[in-house]
Amino acid sequence: MNAITDEKGLIVKGSRQGDAVGVGETFWGYIIHKGKNARDRAAIGEVAATTGSAFFGLLAYGQWLLPGLAGNAASLSLKIGTTTVFFMFSGLLYLIARRGLSSEVHVDVKRRQLRTVRRNREGVASLMEKFGFAEISSVYMIRSKSPFVPNRLLVKPASRRLPILVASGPASELEPVLRRMISVMRESRPKEVPVVTPRRHRSTGRSRPNVFAARQG
């Protein structure tokens, strides 16, 4: 059982861990995340992005600070252009490292929402997209015919052109998650209530006696 955090950084209950996919239980629903190996690779990629951000940041300042480049014949506009490009690369890599490379899908039963989230190695989550359960048109799994291609669990929101990849891996790990998601989505849909039209009574010429009328002697 591994401790995880929710979207606000609060510690919640542990998770059932598989090689390819894990499910973490929270007080508002559950979190579908990748296995430990995939999260370790995402942490390594995050460190590489942080290092690259620092490297391009130094390159951006280098041509202005290094003594050997102070008297370079390159034009000022070229220096400004290269500095801008290096800063853009540095900022992009910094945003990638800050958001993290570990993707998650949050199934919020209380708010009836499905959210896609990126989490960094420090446990801080960044919201990417969110959809109401009513917007989800289908939840399905594509079974691979090749042993080198994993099975894929997908969610298709009606407002999105492409489906969202929830998890990939063996069918034995994806099927319980698929059944649970389908069950939650079905329970969240409002049941159709039949419309009852009141029957109209024809009025007759005779007036009905009033139960409160006084008896005549």
N, C-alpha and C. Protein backbone atom coordinates (compact mmCIF):
# COMPACT_ATOMS: atom_id res chain seq x y z
N MET A 1 0.86 -1.19 0.00
CA MET A 1 0.00 0.00 0.00
C MET A 1 0.89 1.24 0.00
N ASN A 2 0.74 2.07 -1.03
CA ASN A 2 1.52 3.29 -1.15
C ASN A 2 0.64 4.49 -0.85
N ALA A 3 1.16 5.42 -0.05
CA ALA A 3 0.41 6.63 0.24
C ALA A 3 0.44 7.54 -0.96
N ILE A 4 -0.70 8.14 -1.32
CA ILE A 4 -0.78 9.07 -2.44
C ILE A 4 -1.49 10.32 -1.96
N THR A 5 -1.54 11.32 -2.81
CA THR A 5 -2.19 12.58 -2.46
C THR A 5 -3.27 12.90 -3.47
N ASP A 6 -4.27 13.65 -3.04
CA ASP A 6 -5.34 14.03 -3.96
C ASP A 6 -4.95 15.31 -4.68
N GLU A 7 -5.89 15.89 -5.44
CA GLU A 7 -5.59 17.05 -6.27
C GLU A 7 -5.22 18.28 -5.45
N LYS A 8 -5.57 18.34 -4.17
CA LYS A 8 -5.23 19.47 -3.33
C LYS A 8 -4.01 19.19 -2.45
N GLY A 9 -3.39 18.05 -2.63
CA GLY A 9 -2.21 17.72 -1.87
C GLY A 9 -2.49 17.06 -0.54
N LEU A 10 -3.74 16.70 -0.26
CA LEU A 10 -4.08 16.06 1.00
C LEU A 10 -3.81 14.56 0.90
N ILE A 11 -3.30 14.00 1.98
CA ILE A 11 -2.99 12.58 2.00
C ILE A 11 -4.29 11.79 2.11
N VAL A 12 -4.44 10.80 1.25
CA VAL A 12 -5.64 9.96 1.26
C VAL A 12 -5.21 8.51 1.45
N LYS A 13 -6.16 7.60 1.32
CA LYS A 13 -5.89 6.19 1.58
C LYS A 13 -4.97 5.61 0.52
N GLY A 14 -4.44 4.44 0.81
CA GLY A 14 -3.48 3.80 -0.09
C GLY A 14 -4.13 3.27 -1.34
N SER A 15 -3.34 2.57 -2.16
CA SER A 15 -3.81 2.10 -3.45
C SER A 15 -3.45 0.65 -3.65
N ARG A 16 -4.25 -0.03 -4.46
CA ARG A 16 -3.93 -1.38 -4.89
C ARG A 16 -3.02 -1.26 -6.10
N GLN A 17 -1.81 -1.73 -5.98
CA GLN A 17 -0.78 -1.50 -6.99
C GLN A 17 -0.62 -2.70 -7.91
N GLY A 18 -0.65 -2.43 -9.22
CA GLY A 18 -0.35 -3.44 -10.22
C GLY A 18 0.89 -3.03 -10.98
N ASP A 19 1.33 -3.89 -11.89
CA ASP A 19 2.52 -3.58 -12.66
C ASP A 19 2.28 -2.45 -13.65
N ALA A 20 1.06 -2.36 -14.20
CA ALA A 20 0.77 -1.38 -15.24
C ALA A 20 -0.18 -0.28 -14.77
N VAL A 21 -1.09 -0.61 -13.87
CA VAL A 21 -2.09 0.38 -13.45
C VAL A 21 -2.40 0.17 -11.97
N GLY A 22 -2.68 1.26 -11.27
CA GLY A 22 -3.07 1.21 -9.87
C GLY A 22 -4.29 2.07 -9.63
N VAL A 23 -5.04 1.76 -8.59
CA VAL A 23 -6.24 2.51 -8.22
C VAL A 23 -6.08 2.98 -6.79
N GLY A 24 -6.09 4.29 -6.59
CA GLY A 24 -5.99 4.87 -5.27
C GLY A 24 -7.34 5.35 -4.77
N GLU A 25 -7.72 4.92 -3.58
CA GLU A 25 -9.02 5.29 -3.01
C GLU A 25 -8.91 6.64 -2.30
N THR A 26 -9.88 7.51 -2.53
CA THR A 26 -9.93 8.82 -1.89
C THR A 26 -11.30 9.01 -1.25
N PHE A 27 -11.46 10.11 -0.51
CA PHE A 27 -12.74 10.37 0.14
C PHE A 27 -13.80 10.86 -0.85
N TRP A 28 -13.38 11.27 -2.06
CA TRP A 28 -14.35 11.74 -3.06
C TRP A 28 -14.52 10.77 -4.22
N GLY A 29 -13.72 9.72 -4.27
CA GLY A 29 -13.81 8.77 -5.38
C GLY A 29 -12.55 7.92 -5.44
N TYR A 30 -11.92 7.89 -6.61
CA TYR A 30 -10.68 7.13 -6.74
C TYR A 30 -9.83 7.71 -7.87
N ILE A 31 -8.54 7.38 -7.83
CA ILE A 31 -7.55 7.87 -8.78
C ILE A 31 -6.97 6.68 -9.54
N ILE A 32 -6.99 6.76 -10.86
CA ILE A 32 -6.40 5.73 -11.70
C ILE A 32 -5.03 6.25 -12.16
N HIS A 33 -3.97 5.57 -11.78
CA HIS A 33 -2.63 6.02 -12.14
C HIS A 33 -1.83 4.84 -12.68
N LYS A 34 -0.70 5.15 -13.25
CA LYS A 34 0.16 4.12 -13.83
C LYS A 34 0.92 3.38 -12.75
N GLY A 35 1.55 2.27 -13.15
CA GLY A 35 2.31 1.47 -12.21
C GLY A 35 3.59 2.15 -11.76
N LYS A 36 4.28 1.53 -10.84
CA LYS A 36 5.47 2.12 -10.23
C LYS A 36 6.58 2.35 -11.25
N ASN A 37 6.78 1.40 -12.17
CA ASN A 37 7.85 1.56 -13.15
C ASN A 37 7.62 2.77 -14.04
N ALA A 38 6.37 2.97 -14.46
CA ALA A 38 6.06 4.12 -15.30
C ALA A 38 6.24 5.43 -14.53
N ARG A 39 5.87 5.43 -13.24
CA ARG A 39 6.04 6.64 -12.44
C ARG A 39 7.52 6.93 -12.19
N ASP A 40 8.33 5.89 -12.06
CA ASP A 40 9.77 6.10 -11.89
C ASP A 40 10.37 6.71 -13.16
N ARG A 41 9.93 6.24 -14.33
CA ARG A 41 10.43 6.81 -15.58
C ARG A 41 9.99 8.26 -15.73
N ALA A 42 8.76 8.56 -15.29
CA ALA A 42 8.29 9.95 -15.35
C ALA A 42 9.12 10.85 -14.45
N ALA A 43 9.51 10.35 -13.28
CA ALA A 43 10.35 11.14 -12.38
C ALA A 43 11.73 11.42 -12.98
N ILE A 44 12.29 10.42 -13.69
CA ILE A 44 13.58 10.62 -14.36
C ILE A 44 13.46 11.66 -15.47
N GLY A 45 12.37 11.59 -16.23
CA GLY A 45 12.14 12.58 -17.27
C GLY A 45 11.95 13.98 -16.70
N GLU A 46 11.33 14.06 -15.53
CA GLU A 46 11.15 15.36 -14.88
C GLU A 46 12.49 15.95 -14.45
N VAL A 47 13.38 15.11 -13.94
CA VAL A 47 14.71 15.59 -13.57
C VAL A 47 15.47 16.06 -14.80
N ALA A 48 15.33 15.33 -15.90
CA ALA A 48 15.99 15.73 -17.15
C ALA A 48 15.44 17.06 -17.66
N ALA A 49 14.13 17.27 -17.53
CA ALA A 49 13.54 18.54 -17.96
C ALA A 49 14.03 19.69 -17.09
N THR A 50 14.17 19.46 -15.79
CA THR A 50 14.69 20.49 -14.89
C THR A 50 16.13 20.86 -15.25
N THR A 51 16.94 19.83 -15.53
CA THR A 51 18.32 20.08 -15.92
C THR A 51 18.41 20.83 -17.24
N GLY A 52 17.58 20.45 -18.19
CA GLY A 52 17.56 21.15 -19.48
C GLY A 52 17.11 22.59 -19.35
N SER A 53 16.15 22.84 -18.45
CA SER A 53 15.70 24.22 -18.22
C SER A 53 16.84 25.08 -17.69
N ALA A 54 17.60 24.55 -16.74
CA ALA A 54 18.75 25.30 -16.21
C ALA A 54 19.83 25.49 -17.26
N PHE A 55 20.03 24.48 -18.10
CA PHE A 55 21.07 24.57 -19.13
C PHE A 55 20.76 25.67 -20.15
N PHE A 56 19.52 25.69 -20.65
CA PHE A 56 19.15 26.71 -21.63
C PHE A 56 19.10 28.10 -20.99
N GLY A 57 18.76 28.15 -19.69
CA GLY A 57 18.80 29.44 -19.01
C GLY A 57 20.21 30.00 -18.93
N LEU A 58 21.19 29.13 -18.68
CA LEU A 58 22.58 29.57 -18.65
C LEU A 58 23.06 30.00 -20.04
N LEU A 59 22.63 29.28 -21.07
CA LEU A 59 23.00 29.68 -22.43
C LEU A 59 22.44 31.05 -22.78
N ALA A 60 21.22 31.33 -22.30
CA ALA A 60 20.62 32.62 -22.59
C ALA A 60 21.42 33.77 -21.99
N TYR A 61 21.95 33.55 -20.78
CA TYR A 61 22.76 34.59 -20.13
C TYR A 61 24.22 34.56 -20.58
N GLY A 62 24.67 33.39 -21.05
CA GLY A 62 26.10 33.21 -21.29
C GLY A 62 26.70 34.19 -22.28
N GLN A 63 25.99 34.45 -23.39
CA GLN A 63 26.56 35.32 -24.40
C GLN A 63 26.65 36.78 -23.96
N TRP A 64 25.99 37.10 -22.85
CA TRP A 64 26.08 38.47 -22.33
C TRP A 64 27.09 38.57 -21.19
N LEU A 65 27.37 37.45 -20.52
CA LEU A 65 28.21 37.50 -19.33
C LEU A 65 29.63 37.03 -19.56
N LEU A 66 29.84 36.10 -20.51
CA LEU A 66 31.17 35.56 -20.72
C LEU A 66 32.09 36.62 -21.32
N PRO A 67 33.29 36.79 -20.78
CA PRO A 67 34.20 37.83 -21.30
C PRO A 67 34.59 37.60 -22.75
N GLY A 68 34.72 36.36 -23.17
CA GLY A 68 35.14 36.09 -24.53
C GLY A 68 34.12 36.51 -25.57
N LEU A 69 32.86 36.65 -25.16
CA LEU A 69 31.81 37.01 -26.09
C LEU A 69 31.42 38.47 -26.01
N ALA A 70 32.05 39.20 -25.08
CA ALA A 70 31.67 40.60 -24.90
C ALA A 70 32.00 41.43 -26.12
N GLY A 71 33.16 41.17 -26.75
CA GLY A 71 33.54 41.95 -27.92
C GLY A 71 33.27 41.25 -29.22
N ASN A 72 32.33 40.32 -29.22
CA ASN A 72 32.01 39.59 -30.44
C ASN A 72 31.39 40.53 -31.47
N ALA A 73 31.66 40.25 -32.74
CA ALA A 73 31.16 41.11 -33.81
C ALA A 73 29.72 40.80 -34.17
N ALA A 74 29.13 39.83 -33.57
CA ALA A 74 27.73 39.51 -33.86
C ALA A 74 26.85 40.70 -33.53
N SER A 75 25.84 40.89 -34.32
CA SER A 75 24.96 42.04 -34.12
C SER A 75 24.14 41.89 -32.85
N LEU A 76 23.69 43.03 -32.34
CA LEU A 76 22.88 43.03 -31.11
C LEU A 76 21.55 42.32 -31.33
N SER A 77 20.97 42.48 -32.53
CA SER A 77 19.68 41.82 -32.80
C SER A 77 19.80 40.31 -32.80
N LEU A 78 20.96 39.77 -33.27
CA LEU A 78 21.17 38.33 -33.25
C LEU A 78 21.27 37.82 -31.83
N LYS A 79 21.98 38.58 -30.99
CA LYS A 79 22.11 38.18 -29.59
C LYS A 79 20.74 38.17 -28.90
N ILE A 80 19.95 39.20 -29.17
CA ILE A 80 18.62 39.26 -28.57
C ILE A 80 17.76 38.10 -29.04
N GLY A 81 17.88 37.75 -30.35
CA GLY A 81 17.10 36.65 -30.88
C GLY A 81 17.47 35.31 -30.26
N THR A 82 18.76 35.03 -30.17
CA THR A 82 19.18 33.76 -29.58
C THR A 82 18.83 33.69 -28.10
N THR A 83 18.93 34.83 -27.41
CA THR A 83 18.56 34.85 -25.99
C THR A 83 17.08 34.52 -25.82
N THR A 84 16.25 35.08 -26.70
CA THR A 84 14.81 34.82 -26.63
C THR A 84 14.51 33.35 -26.87
N VAL A 85 15.18 32.75 -27.86
CA VAL A 85 14.95 31.34 -28.16
C VAL A 85 15.38 30.46 -26.99
N PHE A 86 16.53 30.75 -26.40
CA PHE A 86 17.00 29.95 -25.27
C PHE A 86 16.07 30.08 -24.07
N PHE A 87 15.55 31.30 -23.84
CA PHE A 87 14.61 31.48 -22.74
C PHE A 87 13.31 30.73 -22.98
N MET A 88 12.87 30.67 -24.24
CA MET A 88 11.64 29.93 -24.56
C MET A 88 11.82 28.44 -24.27
N PHE A 89 12.95 27.87 -24.68
CA PHE A 89 13.22 26.47 -24.37
C PHE A 89 13.31 26.24 -22.87
N SER A 90 13.96 27.16 -22.18
CA SER A 90 14.12 27.03 -20.73
C SER A 90 12.76 27.08 -20.03
N GLY A 91 11.92 28.03 -20.45
CA GLY A 91 10.59 28.15 -19.83
C GLY A 91 9.71 26.95 -20.12
N LEU A 92 9.78 26.42 -21.36
CA LEU A 92 8.98 25.25 -21.72
C LEU A 92 9.36 24.04 -20.89
N LEU A 93 10.66 23.80 -20.76
CA LEU A 93 11.12 22.66 -19.96
C LEU A 93 10.79 22.85 -18.48
N TYR A 94 10.80 24.09 -18.01
CA TYR A 94 10.45 24.34 -16.61
C TYR A 94 8.97 24.02 -16.36
N LEU A 95 8.10 24.41 -17.31
CA LEU A 95 6.68 24.10 -17.14
C LEU A 95 6.43 22.59 -17.16
N ILE A 96 7.16 21.88 -18.04
CA ILE A 96 7.01 20.43 -18.08
C ILE A 96 7.44 19.80 -16.75
N ALA A 97 8.58 20.28 -16.22
CA ALA A 97 9.06 19.73 -14.95
C ALA A 97 8.13 20.08 -13.80
N ARG A 98 7.56 21.28 -13.84
CA ARG A 98 6.69 21.70 -12.74
C ARG A 98 5.38 20.92 -12.73
N ARG A 99 4.80 20.69 -13.91
CA ARG A 99 3.57 19.92 -13.98
C ARG A 99 3.81 18.44 -13.74
N GLY A 100 4.96 17.97 -14.14
CA GLY A 100 5.25 16.56 -13.99
C GLY A 100 4.89 15.77 -15.23
N LEU A 101 5.33 14.55 -15.29
CA LEU A 101 5.09 13.68 -16.45
C LEU A 101 4.26 12.46 -16.11
N SER A 102 3.81 12.37 -14.87
CA SER A 102 2.98 11.24 -14.46
C SER A 102 1.51 11.62 -14.60
N SER A 103 0.81 10.95 -15.51
CA SER A 103 -0.60 11.28 -15.78
C SER A 103 -1.53 10.42 -14.93
N GLU A 104 -2.66 11.00 -14.55
CA GLU A 104 -3.67 10.33 -13.74
C GLU A 104 -5.05 10.68 -14.26
N VAL A 105 -6.00 9.85 -13.92
CA VAL A 105 -7.42 10.12 -14.19
C VAL A 105 -8.15 10.04 -12.86
N HIS A 106 -8.82 11.13 -12.50
CA HIS A 106 -9.57 11.20 -11.25
C HIS A 106 -11.06 10.99 -11.54
N VAL A 107 -11.65 10.02 -10.89
CA VAL A 107 -13.09 9.77 -11.00
C VAL A 107 -13.73 10.26 -9.71
N ASP A 108 -14.32 11.45 -9.78
CA ASP A 108 -14.91 12.09 -8.62
C ASP A 108 -16.38 11.72 -8.55
N VAL A 109 -16.70 10.82 -7.63
CA VAL A 109 -18.08 10.33 -7.51
C VAL A 109 -18.98 11.40 -6.87
N LYS A 110 -18.43 12.19 -5.96
CA LYS A 110 -19.24 13.19 -5.28
C LYS A 110 -19.64 14.33 -6.22
N ARG A 111 -18.68 14.83 -6.98
CA ARG A 111 -18.97 15.91 -7.92
C ARG A 111 -19.42 15.41 -9.28
N ARG A 112 -19.37 14.09 -9.48
CA ARG A 112 -19.75 13.47 -10.75
C ARG A 112 -18.92 14.06 -11.88
N GLN A 113 -17.60 14.01 -11.68
CA GLN A 113 -16.65 14.55 -12.65
C GLN A 113 -15.56 13.54 -12.96
N LEU A 114 -15.03 13.63 -14.17
CA LEU A 114 -13.83 12.91 -14.56
C LEU A 114 -12.77 13.93 -14.92
N ARG A 115 -11.60 13.83 -14.27
CA ARG A 115 -10.54 14.83 -14.46
C ARG A 115 -9.26 14.14 -14.91
N THR A 116 -8.53 14.79 -15.82
CA THR A 116 -7.19 14.36 -16.18
C THR A 116 -6.20 15.28 -15.49
N VAL A 117 -5.17 14.67 -14.89
CA VAL A 117 -4.26 15.40 -14.01
C VAL A 117 -2.83 14.98 -14.31
N ARG A 118 -1.91 15.93 -14.19
CA ARG A 118 -0.48 15.65 -14.22
C ARG A 118 0.08 15.85 -12.82
N ARG A 119 0.92 14.92 -12.37
CA ARG A 119 1.49 15.01 -11.04
C ARG A 119 3.01 14.95 -11.12
N ASN A 120 3.69 15.85 -10.39
CA ASN A 120 5.14 15.84 -10.40
C ASN A 120 5.67 14.94 -9.29
N ARG A 121 6.99 14.82 -9.22
CA ARG A 121 7.59 13.88 -8.27
C ARG A 121 7.45 14.34 -6.83
N GLU A 122 7.07 15.62 -6.60
CA GLU A 122 6.83 16.11 -5.26
C GLU A 122 5.39 15.88 -4.80
N GLY A 123 4.57 15.31 -5.66
CA GLY A 123 3.19 15.00 -5.31
C GLY A 123 2.19 16.10 -5.60
N VAL A 124 2.62 17.19 -6.26
CA VAL A 124 1.72 18.31 -6.57
C VAL A 124 1.01 18.01 -7.89
N ALA A 125 -0.31 18.12 -7.90
CA ALA A 125 -1.11 17.80 -9.09
C ALA A 125 -1.54 19.07 -9.80
N SER A 126 -1.58 18.98 -11.14
CA SER A 126 -2.04 20.09 -11.98
C SER A 126 -3.19 19.58 -12.84
N LEU A 127 -4.32 20.28 -12.79
CA LEU A 127 -5.50 19.89 -13.55
C LEU A 127 -5.30 20.19 -15.03
N MET A 128 -5.61 19.22 -15.89
CA MET A 128 -5.49 19.40 -17.33
C MET A 128 -6.87 19.60 -17.97
N GLU A 129 -7.78 18.64 -17.75
CA GLU A 129 -9.14 18.72 -18.29
C GLU A 129 -10.11 18.15 -17.27
N LYS A 130 -11.37 18.55 -17.38
CA LYS A 130 -12.41 17.95 -16.55
C LYS A 130 -13.71 17.88 -17.34
N PHE A 131 -14.47 16.80 -17.08
CA PHE A 131 -15.72 16.55 -17.78
C PHE A 131 -16.73 16.02 -16.77
N GLY A 132 -17.96 16.41 -16.92
CA GLY A 132 -19.03 15.85 -16.12
C GLY A 132 -19.36 14.43 -16.60
N PHE A 133 -19.87 13.61 -15.70
CA PHE A 133 -20.22 12.25 -16.09
C PHE A 133 -21.24 12.24 -17.24
N ALA A 134 -22.10 13.24 -17.27
CA ALA A 134 -23.11 13.30 -18.34
C ALA A 134 -22.47 13.55 -19.70
N GLU A 135 -21.26 14.10 -19.72
CA GLU A 135 -20.56 14.37 -20.99
C GLU A 135 -19.83 13.16 -21.53
N ILE A 136 -19.67 12.11 -20.73
CA ILE A 136 -18.94 10.92 -21.17
C ILE A 136 -19.86 10.06 -22.02
N SER A 137 -19.50 9.89 -23.28
CA SER A 137 -20.34 9.11 -24.19
C SER A 137 -20.02 7.62 -24.16
N SER A 138 -18.76 7.25 -23.86
CA SER A 138 -18.42 5.82 -23.85
C SER A 138 -17.15 5.59 -23.03
N VAL A 139 -17.09 4.40 -22.42
CA VAL A 139 -15.91 3.90 -21.72
C VAL A 139 -15.66 2.49 -22.26
N TYR A 140 -14.49 2.27 -22.83
CA TYR A 140 -14.27 0.99 -23.50
C TYR A 140 -12.79 0.62 -23.46
N MET A 141 -12.50 -0.63 -23.85
CA MET A 141 -11.13 -1.13 -23.89
C MET A 141 -10.85 -1.70 -25.27
N ILE A 142 -9.72 -1.35 -25.84
CA ILE A 142 -9.26 -1.89 -27.12
C ILE A 142 -8.25 -3.00 -26.82
N ARG A 143 -8.60 -4.20 -27.22
CA ARG A 143 -7.73 -5.35 -26.98
C ARG A 143 -6.73 -5.46 -28.13
N SER A 144 -5.49 -5.60 -27.78
CA SER A 144 -4.43 -5.69 -28.78
C SER A 144 -4.29 -7.13 -29.29
N LYS A 145 -4.03 -7.26 -30.57
CA LYS A 145 -3.79 -8.57 -31.17
C LYS A 145 -2.30 -8.91 -31.20
N SER A 146 -1.46 -7.95 -30.86
CA SER A 146 -0.03 -8.17 -30.86
C SER A 146 0.50 -8.23 -29.43
N PRO A 147 1.43 -9.15 -29.14
CA PRO A 147 1.98 -9.22 -27.77
C PRO A 147 2.88 -8.04 -27.43
N PHE A 148 3.28 -7.28 -28.45
CA PHE A 148 4.17 -6.14 -28.22
C PHE A 148 3.40 -4.83 -28.02
N VAL A 149 2.10 -4.85 -28.26
CA VAL A 149 1.26 -3.66 -28.11
C VAL A 149 0.30 -3.89 -26.94
N PRO A 150 0.29 -3.03 -25.93
CA PRO A 150 -0.57 -3.26 -24.77
C PRO A 150 -2.03 -2.95 -25.07
N ASN A 151 -2.91 -3.52 -24.28
CA ASN A 151 -4.33 -3.16 -24.33
C ASN A 151 -4.51 -1.75 -23.80
N ARG A 152 -5.58 -1.08 -24.25
CA ARG A 152 -5.79 0.31 -23.87
C ARG A 152 -7.20 0.51 -23.33
N LEU A 153 -7.30 1.21 -22.20
CA LEU A 153 -8.57 1.60 -21.61
C LEU A 153 -8.80 3.06 -21.94
N LEU A 154 -9.94 3.37 -22.60
CA LEU A 154 -10.19 4.71 -23.13
C LEU A 154 -11.53 5.24 -22.64
N VAL A 155 -11.60 6.57 -22.56
CA VAL A 155 -12.83 7.29 -22.23
C VAL A 155 -13.06 8.32 -23.32
N LYS A 156 -14.28 8.38 -23.84
CA LYS A 156 -14.59 9.31 -24.93
C LYS A 156 -15.63 10.33 -24.46
N PRO A 157 -15.21 11.57 -24.13
CA PRO A 157 -16.17 12.63 -23.87
C PRO A 157 -16.83 13.08 -25.18
N ALA A 158 -18.08 13.46 -25.10
CA ALA A 158 -18.80 13.88 -26.30
C ALA A 158 -18.24 15.16 -26.90
N SER A 159 -17.68 16.04 -26.06
CA SER A 159 -17.16 17.32 -26.54
C SER A 159 -15.72 17.24 -27.02
N ARG A 160 -15.11 16.08 -26.99
CA ARG A 160 -13.70 15.91 -27.36
C ARG A 160 -13.58 15.06 -28.62
N ARG A 161 -12.73 15.49 -29.55
CA ARG A 161 -12.61 14.76 -30.81
C ARG A 161 -11.94 13.42 -30.61
N LEU A 162 -10.90 13.37 -29.79
CA LEU A 162 -10.17 12.14 -29.56
C LEU A 162 -10.45 11.63 -28.15
N PRO A 163 -10.43 10.30 -27.95
CA PRO A 163 -10.66 9.76 -26.60
C PRO A 163 -9.46 10.00 -25.70
N ILE A 164 -9.67 9.81 -24.41
CA ILE A 164 -8.63 9.98 -23.39
C ILE A 164 -8.11 8.60 -23.01
N LEU A 165 -6.80 8.45 -23.03
CA LEU A 165 -6.19 7.20 -22.61
C LEU A 165 -6.13 7.17 -21.09
N VAL A 166 -6.87 6.26 -20.50
CA VAL A 166 -6.89 6.13 -19.04
C VAL A 166 -5.71 5.31 -18.56
N ALA A 167 -5.50 4.15 -19.17
CA ALA A 167 -4.40 3.27 -18.78
C ALA A 167 -4.15 2.28 -19.90
N SER A 168 -2.99 1.66 -19.87
CA SER A 168 -2.64 0.62 -20.83
C SER A 168 -1.91 -0.49 -20.10
N GLY A 169 -2.11 -1.72 -20.57
CA GLY A 169 -1.48 -2.85 -19.91
C GLY A 169 -2.24 -4.13 -20.14
N PRO A 170 -2.01 -5.15 -19.32
CA PRO A 170 -2.71 -6.43 -19.47
C PRO A 170 -4.21 -6.28 -19.23
N ALA A 171 -4.97 -7.10 -19.92
CA ALA A 171 -6.43 -7.05 -19.77
C ALA A 171 -6.85 -7.41 -18.36
N SER A 172 -6.09 -8.27 -17.68
CA SER A 172 -6.44 -8.68 -16.32
C SER A 172 -6.41 -7.50 -15.35
N GLU A 173 -5.59 -6.48 -15.63
CA GLU A 173 -5.54 -5.30 -14.77
C GLU A 173 -6.53 -4.23 -15.22
N LEU A 174 -6.83 -4.18 -16.51
CA LEU A 174 -7.71 -3.13 -17.03
C LEU A 174 -9.19 -3.46 -16.85
N GLU A 175 -9.55 -4.74 -16.92
CA GLU A 175 -10.96 -5.11 -16.87
C GLU A 175 -11.64 -4.71 -15.56
N PRO A 176 -11.03 -4.93 -14.37
CA PRO A 176 -11.71 -4.46 -13.15
C PRO A 176 -11.91 -2.95 -13.12
N VAL A 177 -10.95 -2.19 -13.63
CA VAL A 177 -11.10 -0.74 -13.68
C VAL A 177 -12.20 -0.36 -14.66
N LEU A 178 -12.27 -1.05 -15.80
CA LEU A 178 -13.32 -0.78 -16.79
C LEU A 178 -14.70 -1.03 -16.21
N ARG A 179 -14.88 -2.18 -15.53
CA ARG A 179 -16.19 -2.49 -14.95
C ARG A 179 -16.58 -1.46 -13.89
N ARG A 180 -15.61 -1.02 -13.10
CA ARG A 180 -15.92 -0.05 -12.05
C ARG A 180 -16.31 1.30 -12.64
N MET A 181 -15.61 1.71 -13.67
CA MET A 181 -15.95 3.00 -14.30
C MET A 181 -17.33 2.95 -14.95
N ILE A 182 -17.64 1.85 -15.63
CA ILE A 182 -18.95 1.71 -16.26
C ILE A 182 -20.05 1.73 -15.21
N SER A 183 -19.82 1.07 -14.09
CA SER A 183 -20.82 1.04 -13.02
C SER A 183 -21.07 2.43 -12.46
N VAL A 184 -20.01 3.20 -12.26
CA VAL A 184 -20.16 4.56 -11.72
C VAL A 184 -20.88 5.45 -12.71
N MET A 185 -20.51 5.35 -13.99
CA MET A 185 -21.14 6.19 -15.00
C MET A 185 -22.62 5.88 -15.14
N ARG A 186 -23.00 4.62 -15.05
CA ARG A 186 -24.40 4.25 -15.17
C ARG A 186 -25.21 4.74 -13.98
N GLU A 187 -24.64 4.61 -12.79
CA GLU A 187 -25.37 5.04 -11.59
C GLU A 187 -25.56 6.55 -11.57
N SER A 188 -24.65 7.28 -12.20
CA SER A 188 -24.73 8.74 -12.15
C SER A 188 -25.76 9.30 -13.11
N ARG A 189 -26.19 8.53 -14.12
CA ARG A 189 -27.14 9.04 -15.09
C ARG A 189 -28.54 9.06 -14.48
N PRO A 190 -29.26 10.17 -14.62
CA PRO A 190 -30.61 10.23 -14.07
C PRO A 190 -31.55 9.29 -14.80
N LYS A 191 -32.37 8.59 -14.03
CA LYS A 191 -33.34 7.68 -14.62
C LYS A 191 -34.49 8.46 -15.24
N GLU A 192 -35.01 7.92 -16.35
CA GLU A 192 -36.13 8.58 -17.03
C GLU A 192 -37.41 8.39 -16.22
N VAL A 193 -38.04 9.50 -15.92
CA VAL A 193 -39.28 9.47 -15.16
C VAL A 193 -40.45 9.59 -16.12
N PRO A 194 -41.36 8.64 -16.14
CA PRO A 194 -42.48 8.72 -17.08
C PRO A 194 -43.37 9.91 -16.76
N VAL A 195 -43.82 10.57 -17.83
CA VAL A 195 -44.69 11.74 -17.67
C VAL A 195 -46.13 11.26 -17.59
N VAL A 196 -46.80 11.62 -16.53
CA VAL A 196 -48.20 11.22 -16.32
C VAL A 196 -49.09 12.40 -16.64
N THR A 197 -49.98 12.23 -17.62
CA THR A 197 -50.91 13.29 -18.01
C THR A 197 -52.20 13.13 -17.21
N PRO A 198 -52.63 14.17 -16.51
CA PRO A 198 -53.87 14.06 -15.73
C PRO A 198 -55.08 13.84 -16.62
N ARG A 199 -55.95 12.96 -16.17
CA ARG A 199 -57.17 12.67 -16.93
C ARG A 199 -58.19 13.76 -16.71
N ARG A 200 -58.85 14.12 -17.79
CA ARG A 200 -59.87 15.17 -17.73
C ARG A 200 -61.24 14.52 -17.56
N HIS A 201 -62.00 15.05 -16.59
CA HIS A 201 -63.35 14.55 -16.33
C HIS A 201 -64.36 15.49 -16.97
N ARG A 202 -65.29 14.88 -17.69
CA ARG A 202 -66.34 15.69 -18.29
C ARG A 202 -67.34 16.13 -17.24
N SER A 203 -67.67 17.37 -17.30
CA SER A 203 -68.66 17.90 -16.33
C SER A 203 -70.06 17.65 -16.85
N THR A 204 -70.97 17.22 -15.99
CA THR A 204 -72.36 16.96 -16.35
C THR A 204 -73.23 18.09 -15.84
N GLY A 205 -74.44 18.10 -16.30
CA GLY A 205 -75.36 19.16 -15.90
C GLY A 205 -75.77 19.06 -14.45
N ARG A 206 -75.77 17.83 -13.90
CA ARG A 206 -76.17 17.67 -12.51
C ARG A 206 -75.03 18.06 -11.60
N SER A 207 -75.33 18.81 -10.58
CA SER A 207 -74.33 19.21 -9.60
C SER A 207 -74.23 18.15 -8.52
N ARG A 208 -72.99 17.87 -8.15
CA ARG A 208 -72.78 16.86 -7.12
C ARG A 208 -73.05 17.47 -5.74
N PRO A 209 -73.67 16.65 -4.84
CA PRO A 209 -73.98 17.18 -3.50
C PRO A 209 -72.72 17.48 -2.73
N ASN A 210 -72.76 18.56 -2.03
CA ASN A 210 -71.63 18.96 -1.21
C ASN A 210 -71.71 18.22 0.11
N VAL A 211 -70.61 17.64 0.52
CA VAL A 211 -70.63 16.85 1.75
C VAL A 211 -70.81 17.75 2.96
N PHE A 212 -70.53 19.04 2.78
CA PHE A 212 -70.66 19.96 3.90
C PHE A 212 -72.03 20.66 3.89
N ALA A 213 -72.91 20.34 2.94
CA ALA A 213 -74.21 21.00 2.87
C ALA A 213 -75.11 20.51 4.01
N ALA A 214 -75.94 21.40 4.53
CA ALA A 214 -76.85 21.05 5.64
C ALA A 214 -78.01 20.25 5.09
N ARG A 215 -78.41 19.29 5.85
CA ARG A 215 -79.56 18.47 5.46
C ARG A 215 -80.84 19.29 5.57
N GLN A 216 -81.72 19.08 4.60
CA GLN A 216 -83.01 19.76 4.62
C GLN A 216 -84.04 18.82 5.23
N GLY A 217 -84.86 19.35 6.18
CA GLY A 217 -85.83 18.49 6.83
C GLY A 217 -87.10 18.34 6.04
